[in-house]
Amino acid sequence: MTCKELADLLMAYCDGELPSEHCELICEHFRLCGPCRNFMESYRITVRLCRSLPMAELPQHLVDRLRAALKDHA
């Protein structure tokens, strides 16, 4: 597994959404690649920090634009 392949799968890996074969390849890559281990750790910290932030209310103009976009694509 290349570093790019690992980066592409990182979110699914952290969310536990990958088959065990992929997880094994990723774990092996982490054992061999210090930069990817560091990237993974910073990714986990970022996710944890983002999840700890309070939810902000979406401004009404964005809600209206989103609804319009969804209506146009329905």
C-alpha atoms as a PDB file:
ATOM      1  CA  MET A   1       0.000   0.000   0.000  1.00  0.00           C
ATOM      2  CA  THR A   2       1.328   3.413  -0.933  1.00  0.00           C
ATOM      3  CA  CYS A   3       1.119   6.519   1.230  1.00  0.00           C
ATOM      4  CA  LYS A   4      -1.434   8.009  -1.187  1.00  0.00           C
ATOM      5  CA  GLU A   5      -3.616   4.902  -1.043  1.00  0.00           C
ATOM      6  CA  LEU A   6      -3.495   5.030   2.737  1.00  0.00           C
ATOM      7  CA  ALA A   7      -4.437   8.733   2.784  1.00  0.00           C
ATOM      8  CA  ASP A   8      -7.407   8.019   0.500  1.00  0.00           C
ATOM      9  CA  LEU A   9      -8.682   5.329   2.909  1.00  0.00           C
ATOM     10  CA  LEU A  10      -7.886   7.057   6.188  1.00  0.00           C
ATOM     11  CA  MET A  11     -11.361   8.403   6.956  1.00  0.00           C
ATOM     12  CA  ALA A  12     -13.012   5.049   6.307  1.00  0.00           C
ATOM     13  CA  TYR A  13     -10.298   3.326   8.368  1.00  0.00           C
ATOM     14  CA  CYS A  14     -10.824   5.624  11.353  1.00  0.00           C
ATOM     15  CA  ASP A  15     -14.592   5.148  11.112  1.00  0.00           C
ATOM     16  CA  GLY A  16     -14.212   1.354  11.066  1.00  0.00           C
ATOM     17  CA  GLU A  17     -15.763   1.046   7.623  1.00  0.00           C
ATOM     18  CA  LEU A  18     -13.067  -1.009   5.868  1.00  0.00           C
ATOM     19  CA  PRO A  19     -12.851  -4.778   5.462  1.00  0.00           C
ATOM     20  CA  SER A  20     -10.283  -6.488   7.654  1.00  0.00           C
ATOM     21  CA  GLU A  21      -7.943  -7.096   4.695  1.00  0.00           C
ATOM     22  CA  HIS A  22      -7.612  -3.341   4.130  1.00  0.00           C
ATOM     23  CA  CYS A  23      -7.125  -2.723   7.848  1.00  0.00           C
ATOM     24  CA  GLU A  24      -4.305  -5.250   7.942  1.00  0.00           C
ATOM     25  CA  LEU A  25      -2.576  -3.557   4.995  1.00  0.00           C
ATOM     26  CA  ILE A  26      -2.971  -0.154   6.633  1.00  0.00           C
ATOM     27  CA  CYS A  27      -1.613  -1.408   9.970  1.00  0.00           C
ATOM     28  CA  GLU A  28       1.378  -2.925   8.187  1.00  0.00           C
ATOM     29  CA  HIS A  29       1.980   0.354   6.377  1.00  0.00           C
ATOM     30  CA  PHE A  30       1.873   2.232   9.705  1.00  0.00           C
ATOM     31  CA  ARG A  31       4.500  -0.140  11.117  1.00  0.00           C
ATOM     32  CA  LEU A  32       6.828   0.690   8.238  1.00  0.00           C
ATOM     33  CA  CYS A  33       6.080   4.368   7.583  1.00  0.00           C
ATOM     34  CA  GLY A  34       6.693   6.958  10.287  1.00  0.00           C
ATOM     35  CA  PRO A  35       5.304   9.902   8.281  1.00  0.00           C
ATOM     36  CA  CYS A  36       1.984   8.079   7.791  1.00  0.00           C
ATOM     37  CA  ARG A  37       1.839   7.222  11.512  1.00  0.00           C
ATOM     38  CA  ASN A  38       2.305  10.923  12.256  1.00  0.00           C
ATOM     39  CA  PHE A  39      -0.315  11.872   9.663  1.00  0.00           C
ATOM     40  CA  MET A  40      -2.760   9.402  11.222  1.00  0.00           C
ATOM     41  CA  GLU A  41      -2.193  10.778  14.707  1.00  0.00           C
ATOM     42  CA  SER A  42      -2.708  14.370  13.578  1.00  0.00           C
ATOM     43  CA  TYR A  43      -5.845  13.279  11.698  1.00  0.00           C
ATOM     44  CA  ARG A  44      -7.274  11.618  14.824  1.00  0.00           C
ATOM     45  CA  ILE A  45      -6.498  14.692  16.928  1.00  0.00           C
ATOM     46  CA  THR A  46      -8.158  16.944  14.341  1.00  0.00           C
ATOM     47  CA  VAL A  47     -11.297  14.790  14.264  1.00  0.00           C
ATOM     48  CA  ARG A  48     -11.465  14.674  18.067  1.00  0.00           C
ATOM     49  CA  LEU A  49     -11.070  18.455  18.337  1.00  0.00           C
ATOM     50  CA  CYS A  50     -13.687  19.110  15.665  1.00  0.00           C
ATOM     51  CA  ARG A  51     -16.161  16.809  17.367  1.00  0.00           C
ATOM     52  CA  SER A  52     -15.649  18.654  20.652  1.00  0.00           C
ATOM     53  CA  LEU A  53     -16.643  22.009  19.146  1.00  0.00           C
ATOM     54  CA  PRO A  54     -20.164  23.265  19.802  1.00  0.00           C
ATOM     55  CA  MET A  55     -22.615  22.940  16.954  1.00  0.00           C
ATOM     56  CA  ALA A  56     -23.178  26.252  15.200  1.00  0.00           C
ATOM     57  CA  GLU A  57     -26.476  27.137  13.632  1.00  0.00           C
ATOM     58  CA  LEU A  58     -26.375  27.409   9.857  1.00  0.00           C
ATOM     59  CA  PRO A  59     -27.192  30.945   8.650  1.00  0.00           C
ATOM     60  CA  GLN A  60     -30.649  31.154   7.071  1.00  0.00           C
ATOM     61  CA  HIS A  61     -29.324  32.287   3.674  1.00  0.00           C
ATOM     62  CA  LEU A  62     -27.256  29.082   3.461  1.00  0.00           C
ATOM     63  CA  VAL A  63     -30.239  26.965   4.504  1.00  0.00           C
ATOM     64  CA  ASP A  64     -32.267  28.576   1.727  1.00  0.00           C
ATOM     65  CA  ARG A  65     -29.522  28.003  -0.858  1.00  0.00           C
ATOM     66  CA  LEU A  66     -29.123  24.384   0.209  1.00  0.00           C
ATOM     67  CA  ARG A  67     -32.843  23.720  -0.002  1.00  0.00           C
ATOM     68  CA  ALA A  68     -32.975  25.319  -3.446  1.00  0.00           C
ATOM     69  CA  ALA A  69     -30.039  23.231  -4.649  1.00  0.00           C
ATOM     70  CA  LEU A  70     -31.595  20.036  -3.314  1.00  0.00           C
ATOM     71  CA  LYS A  71     -34.920  20.894  -4.921  1.00  0.00           C
ATOM     72  CA  ASP A  72     -33.215  21.489  -8.274  1.00  0.00           C
ATOM     73  CA  HIS A  73     -31.544  18.052  -8.115  1.00  0.00           C
ATOM     74  CA  ALA A  74     -34.565  16.079  -6.913  1.00  0.00           C
END
